[in-house]
Amino acid sequence: MTTTQVAQIHVDVPIEEAYRRWTAVESFPDYIDAIDSVRRIDEVRSRWSATIEGVSDDFYVDIVDQTPPERIAWQSTDGVFHNGRVDLSRDGTGTRIVLRMAWEVEGDEGTGSELGDRPMQRDLERFKALVEGAAAADDDAEDGAVAS
């Protein structure tokens, strides 16, 4: 059975910065709970390690659609089926992010809940804190450089 979830958030950074952060796949473990590590192989392929409901799995992921700075989509090429897509749109001075993920789950419909709506929303909230914190730190550094 395939489970699909959607979550969204507004971040107070320009769309180009939010997109840049989403394409830095090595940083996924910083804000996506289920991802243990990501190693970029080339511009399209990466190797992910994830732990979902106590089960660890390693798999290759390929970027299958990329439209800077508005969309990036990926899909696993081995292991448990997984795909995802992030759509970004300008939202005032910030960015609206919509994350969609689908994955194959075994057993009854109750499994796969670790990647359900609430955990995905928490992942997006951690992403927001990370990018907004980095943007604030950059602004502070620029302010300090001007003041010197």
C-alpha atoms as a PDB file:
ATOM      1  CA  MET A   1       0.000   0.000   0.000  1.00  0.00           C
ATOM      2  CA  THR A   2       1.251   3.487  -0.811  1.00  0.00           C
ATOM      3  CA  THR A   3       0.802   6.222   1.779  1.00  0.00           C
ATOM      4  CA  THR A   4       0.849   9.858   0.657  1.00  0.00           C
ATOM      5  CA  GLN A   5       1.068  12.897   2.926  1.00  0.00           C
ATOM      6  CA  VAL A   6       1.173  16.663   2.372  1.00  0.00           C
ATOM      7  CA  ALA A   7       2.384  19.457   4.669  1.00  0.00           C
ATOM      8  CA  GLN A   8       2.996  23.157   4.088  1.00  0.00           C
ATOM      9  CA  ILE A   9       4.564  26.170   5.747  1.00  0.00           C
ATOM     10  CA  HIS A  10       5.536  29.801   5.166  1.00  0.00           C
ATOM     11  CA  VAL A  11       9.181  30.746   5.683  1.00  0.00           C
ATOM     12  CA  ASP A  12      10.466  34.305   5.954  1.00  0.00           C
ATOM     13  CA  VAL A  13      13.251  33.944   3.397  1.00  0.00           C
ATOM     14  CA  PRO A  14      13.268  34.629  -0.346  1.00  0.00           C
ATOM     15  CA  ILE A  15      12.285  31.744  -2.605  1.00  0.00           C
ATOM     16  CA  GLU A  16      15.834  31.443  -3.959  1.00  0.00           C
ATOM     17  CA  GLU A  17      17.227  30.847  -0.458  1.00  0.00           C
ATOM     18  CA  ALA A  18      14.523  28.312   0.441  1.00  0.00           C
ATOM     19  CA  TYR A  19      15.169  26.468  -2.836  1.00  0.00           C
ATOM     20  CA  ARG A  20      18.940  26.486  -2.274  1.00  0.00           C
ATOM     21  CA  ARG A  21      18.393  24.884   1.139  1.00  0.00           C
ATOM     22  CA  TRP A  22      16.123  22.166  -0.309  1.00  0.00           C
ATOM     23  CA  THR A  23      18.744  21.287  -2.911  1.00  0.00           C
ATOM     24  CA  ALA A  24      21.382  20.861  -0.168  1.00  0.00           C
ATOM     25  CA  VAL A  25      20.271  17.257   0.384  1.00  0.00           C
ATOM     26  CA  GLU A  26      23.148  16.505   2.753  1.00  0.00           C
ATOM     27  CA  SER A  27      21.451  18.740   5.326  1.00  0.00           C
ATOM     28  CA  PHE A  28      18.153  16.768   5.342  1.00  0.00           C
ATOM     29  CA  PRO A  29      19.072  15.001   8.626  1.00  0.00           C
ATOM     30  CA  ASP A  30      19.227  18.462  10.254  1.00  0.00           C
ATOM     31  CA  TYR A  31      15.461  18.852   9.935  1.00  0.00           C
ATOM     32  CA  ILE A  32      13.876  15.599   8.695  1.00  0.00           C
ATOM     33  CA  ASP A  33      13.583  13.188  11.630  1.00  0.00           C
ATOM     34  CA  ALA A  34      13.400   9.948   9.642  1.00  0.00           C
ATOM     35  CA  ILE A  35      16.540  10.702   7.597  1.00  0.00           C
ATOM     36  CA  ASP A  36      19.775   9.556   9.255  1.00  0.00           C
ATOM     37  CA  SER A  37      22.174  10.628   6.486  1.00  0.00           C
ATOM     38  CA  VAL A  38      22.334  11.670   2.856  1.00  0.00           C
ATOM     39  CA  ARG A  39      25.415  11.415   0.677  1.00  0.00           C
ATOM     40  CA  ARG A  40      25.334  13.251  -2.647  1.00  0.00           C
ATOM     41  CA  ILE A  41      26.764  11.150  -5.478  1.00  0.00           C
ATOM     42  CA  ASP A  42      26.257  13.611  -8.344  1.00  0.00           C
ATOM     43  CA  GLU A  43      23.801  16.317  -9.405  1.00  0.00           C
ATOM     44  CA  VAL A  44      20.970  13.786  -9.766  1.00  0.00           C
ATOM     45  CA  ARG A  45      21.682  10.859  -7.437  1.00  0.00           C
ATOM     46  CA  SER A  46      22.189  10.560  -3.688  1.00  0.00           C
ATOM     47  CA  ARG A  47      22.301   7.731  -1.146  1.00  0.00           C
ATOM     48  CA  TRP A  48      19.916   8.045   1.803  1.00  0.00           C
ATOM     49  CA  SER A  49      19.829   6.212   5.128  1.00  0.00           C
ATOM     50  CA  ALA A  50      16.503   6.409   6.941  1.00  0.00           C
ATOM     51  CA  THR A  51      14.889   4.903  10.013  1.00  0.00           C
ATOM     52  CA  ILE A  52      11.116   4.640   9.865  1.00  0.00           C
ATOM     53  CA  GLU A  53       9.183   3.028  12.717  1.00  0.00           C
ATOM     54  CA  GLY A  54      12.411   1.485  13.980  1.00  0.00           C
ATOM     55  CA  VAL A  55      13.353  -0.067  10.637  1.00  0.00           C
ATOM     56  CA  SER A  56      16.531   1.232   8.969  1.00  0.00           C
ATOM     57  CA  ASP A  57      16.952   1.231   5.207  1.00  0.00           C
ATOM     58  CA  ASP A  58      19.517   2.583   2.748  1.00  0.00           C
ATOM     59  CA  PHE A  59      18.448   3.491  -0.769  1.00  0.00           C
ATOM     60  CA  TYR A  60      19.386   5.544  -3.797  1.00  0.00           C
ATOM     61  CA  VAL A  61      17.302   8.567  -4.689  1.00  0.00           C
ATOM     62  CA  ASP A  62      17.276  10.358  -8.045  1.00  0.00           C
ATOM     63  CA  ILE A  63      16.023  13.865  -8.730  1.00  0.00           C
ATOM     64  CA  VAL A  64      13.323  13.359 -11.359  1.00  0.00           C
ATOM     65  CA  ASP A  65      12.074  16.917 -11.814  1.00  0.00           C
ATOM     66  CA  GLN A  66      13.762  20.202 -11.030  1.00  0.00           C
ATOM     67  CA  THR A  67      12.558  23.701 -11.900  1.00  0.00           C
ATOM     68  CA  PRO A  68      14.611  26.298 -10.006  1.00  0.00           C
ATOM     69  CA  PRO A  69      13.478  27.949  -7.776  1.00  0.00           C
ATOM     70  CA  GLU A  70       9.968  26.507  -7.804  1.00  0.00           C
ATOM     71  CA  ARG A  71      10.114  22.719  -7.646  1.00  0.00           C
ATOM     72  CA  ILE A  72      12.271  19.720  -6.888  1.00  0.00           C
ATOM     73  CA  ALA A  73      11.020  16.132  -7.015  1.00  0.00           C
ATOM     74  CA  TRP A  74      12.778  12.868  -6.224  1.00  0.00           C
ATOM     75  CA  GLN A  75      12.194   9.129  -6.237  1.00  0.00           C
ATOM     76  CA  SER A  76      13.949   6.122  -4.766  1.00  0.00           C
ATOM     77  CA  THR A  77      15.477   3.722  -7.270  1.00  0.00           C
ATOM     78  CA  ASP A  78      15.922   0.741  -4.951  1.00  0.00           C
ATOM     79  CA  GLY A  79      14.784  -0.448  -1.532  1.00  0.00           C
ATOM     80  CA  VAL A  80      11.421   0.715  -0.238  1.00  0.00           C
ATOM     81  CA  PHE A  81       9.515   2.857  -2.752  1.00  0.00           C
ATOM     82  CA  HIS A  82       9.634   6.524  -1.783  1.00  0.00           C
ATOM     83  CA  ASN A  83       9.079   9.745  -3.684  1.00  0.00           C
ATOM     84  CA  GLY A  84       8.611  13.349  -2.789  1.00  0.00           C
ATOM     85  CA  ARG A  85       8.137  16.791  -4.187  1.00  0.00           C
ATOM     86  CA  VAL A  86       8.661  20.268  -2.821  1.00  0.00           C
ATOM     87  CA  ASP A  87       6.810  23.154  -4.465  1.00  0.00           C
ATOM     88  CA  LEU A  88       7.891  26.683  -3.573  1.00  0.00           C
ATOM     89  CA  SER A  89       6.074  29.905  -4.388  1.00  0.00           C
ATOM     90  CA  ARG A  90       6.617  33.540  -3.555  1.00  0.00           C
ATOM     91  CA  ASP A  91       4.470  34.581  -0.606  1.00  0.00           C
ATOM     92  CA  GLY A  92       4.940  38.272   0.153  1.00  0.00           C
ATOM     93  CA  THR A  93       8.595  38.693   1.062  1.00  0.00           C
ATOM     94  CA  GLY A  94       8.837  35.023   2.019  1.00  0.00           C
ATOM     95  CA  THR A  95       8.136  31.618   0.529  1.00  0.00           C
ATOM     96  CA  ARG A  96       5.250  29.160   0.735  1.00  0.00           C
ATOM     97  CA  ILE A  97       6.537  25.557   0.789  1.00  0.00           C
ATOM     98  CA  VAL A  98       4.355  22.535   0.064  1.00  0.00           C
ATOM     99  CA  LEU A  99       5.938  19.133   0.737  1.00  0.00           C
ATOM    100  CA  ARG A 100       4.381  15.970  -0.690  1.00  0.00           C
ATOM    101  CA  MET A 101       5.776  12.534   0.087  1.00  0.00           C
ATOM    102  CA  ALA A 102       4.633   9.029  -0.788  1.00  0.00           C
ATOM    103  CA  TRP A 103       6.079   5.730   0.366  1.00  0.00           C
ATOM    104  CA  GLU A 104       5.242   2.065   0.284  1.00  0.00           C
ATOM    105  CA  VAL A 105       4.172   0.599   3.608  1.00  0.00           C
ATOM    106  CA  GLU A 106       3.731  -3.021   4.542  1.00  0.00           C
ATOM    107  CA  GLY A 107       0.914  -4.368   6.677  1.00  0.00           C
ATOM    108  CA  ASP A 108      -2.211  -2.526   7.726  1.00  0.00           C
ATOM    109  CA  GLU A 109      -3.072   1.111   7.132  1.00  0.00           C
ATOM    110  CA  GLY A 110      -1.769   2.106  10.560  1.00  0.00           C
ATOM    111  CA  THR A 111       1.849   1.566   9.574  1.00  0.00           C
ATOM    112  CA  GLY A 112       3.897   4.370   8.127  1.00  0.00           C
ATOM    113  CA  SER A 113       2.510   6.847  10.663  1.00  0.00           C
ATOM    114  CA  GLU A 114       6.004   8.081  11.523  1.00  0.00           C
ATOM    115  CA  LEU A 115       5.970   9.889   8.180  1.00  0.00           C
ATOM    116  CA  GLY A 116       2.399  11.110   8.634  1.00  0.00           C
ATOM    117  CA  ASP A 117       1.132  14.692   8.494  1.00  0.00           C
ATOM    118  CA  ARG A 118       2.232  15.781  11.980  1.00  0.00           C
ATOM    119  CA  PRO A 119       5.854  14.583  11.741  1.00  0.00           C
ATOM    120  CA  MET A 120       6.136  16.112   8.258  1.00  0.00           C
ATOM    121  CA  GLN A 121       4.769  19.371   9.644  1.00  0.00           C
ATOM    122  CA  ARG A 122       7.350  19.236  12.456  1.00  0.00           C
ATOM    123  CA  ASP A 123      10.068  18.620   9.857  1.00  0.00           C
ATOM    124  CA  LEU A 124       8.935  21.740   7.992  1.00  0.00           C
ATOM    125  CA  GLU A 125       8.899  23.717  11.243  1.00  0.00           C
ATOM    126  CA  ARG A 126      12.524  22.648  11.872  1.00  0.00           C
ATOM    127  CA  PHE A 127      13.377  23.648   8.278  1.00  0.00           C
ATOM    128  CA  LYS A 128      11.772  27.055   8.919  1.00  0.00           C
ATOM    129  CA  ALA A 129      13.800  27.555  12.113  1.00  0.00           C
ATOM    130  CA  LEU A 130      16.987  26.525  10.329  1.00  0.00           C
ATOM    131  CA  VAL A 131      16.625  28.789   7.284  1.00  0.00           C
ATOM    132  CA  GLU A 132      15.217  31.754   9.165  1.00  0.00           C
ATOM    133  CA  GLY A 133      17.940  31.403  11.824  1.00  0.00           C
ATOM    134  CA  ALA A 134      20.645  31.301   9.146  1.00  0.00           C
ATOM    135  CA  ALA A 135      19.109  34.321   7.399  1.00  0.00           C
ATOM    136  CA  ALA A 136      19.023  36.252  10.693  1.00  0.00           C
ATOM    137  CA  ALA A 137      22.652  35.321  11.387  1.00  0.00           C
ATOM    138  CA  ASP A 138      23.618  36.502   7.881  1.00  0.00           C
ATOM    139  CA  ASP A 139      21.751  39.784   8.466  1.00  0.00           C
ATOM    140  CA  ASP A 140      23.521  40.267  11.808  1.00  0.00           C
ATOM    141  CA  ALA A 141      26.893  39.604  10.184  1.00  0.00           C
ATOM    142  CA  GLU A 142      26.134  42.106   7.415  1.00  0.00           C
ATOM    143  CA  ASP A 143      25.011  44.678   9.989  1.00  0.00           C
ATOM    144  CA  GLY A 144      28.225  44.116  11.943  1.00  0.00           C
ATOM    145  CA  ALA A 145      30.343  44.457   8.807  1.00  0.00           C
ATOM    146  CA  VAL A 146      28.726  47.785   7.948  1.00  0.00           C
ATOM    147  CA  ALA A 147      29.097  49.078  11.511  1.00  0.00           C
ATOM    148  CA  SER A 148      32.860  48.336  11.639  1.00  0.00           C
END
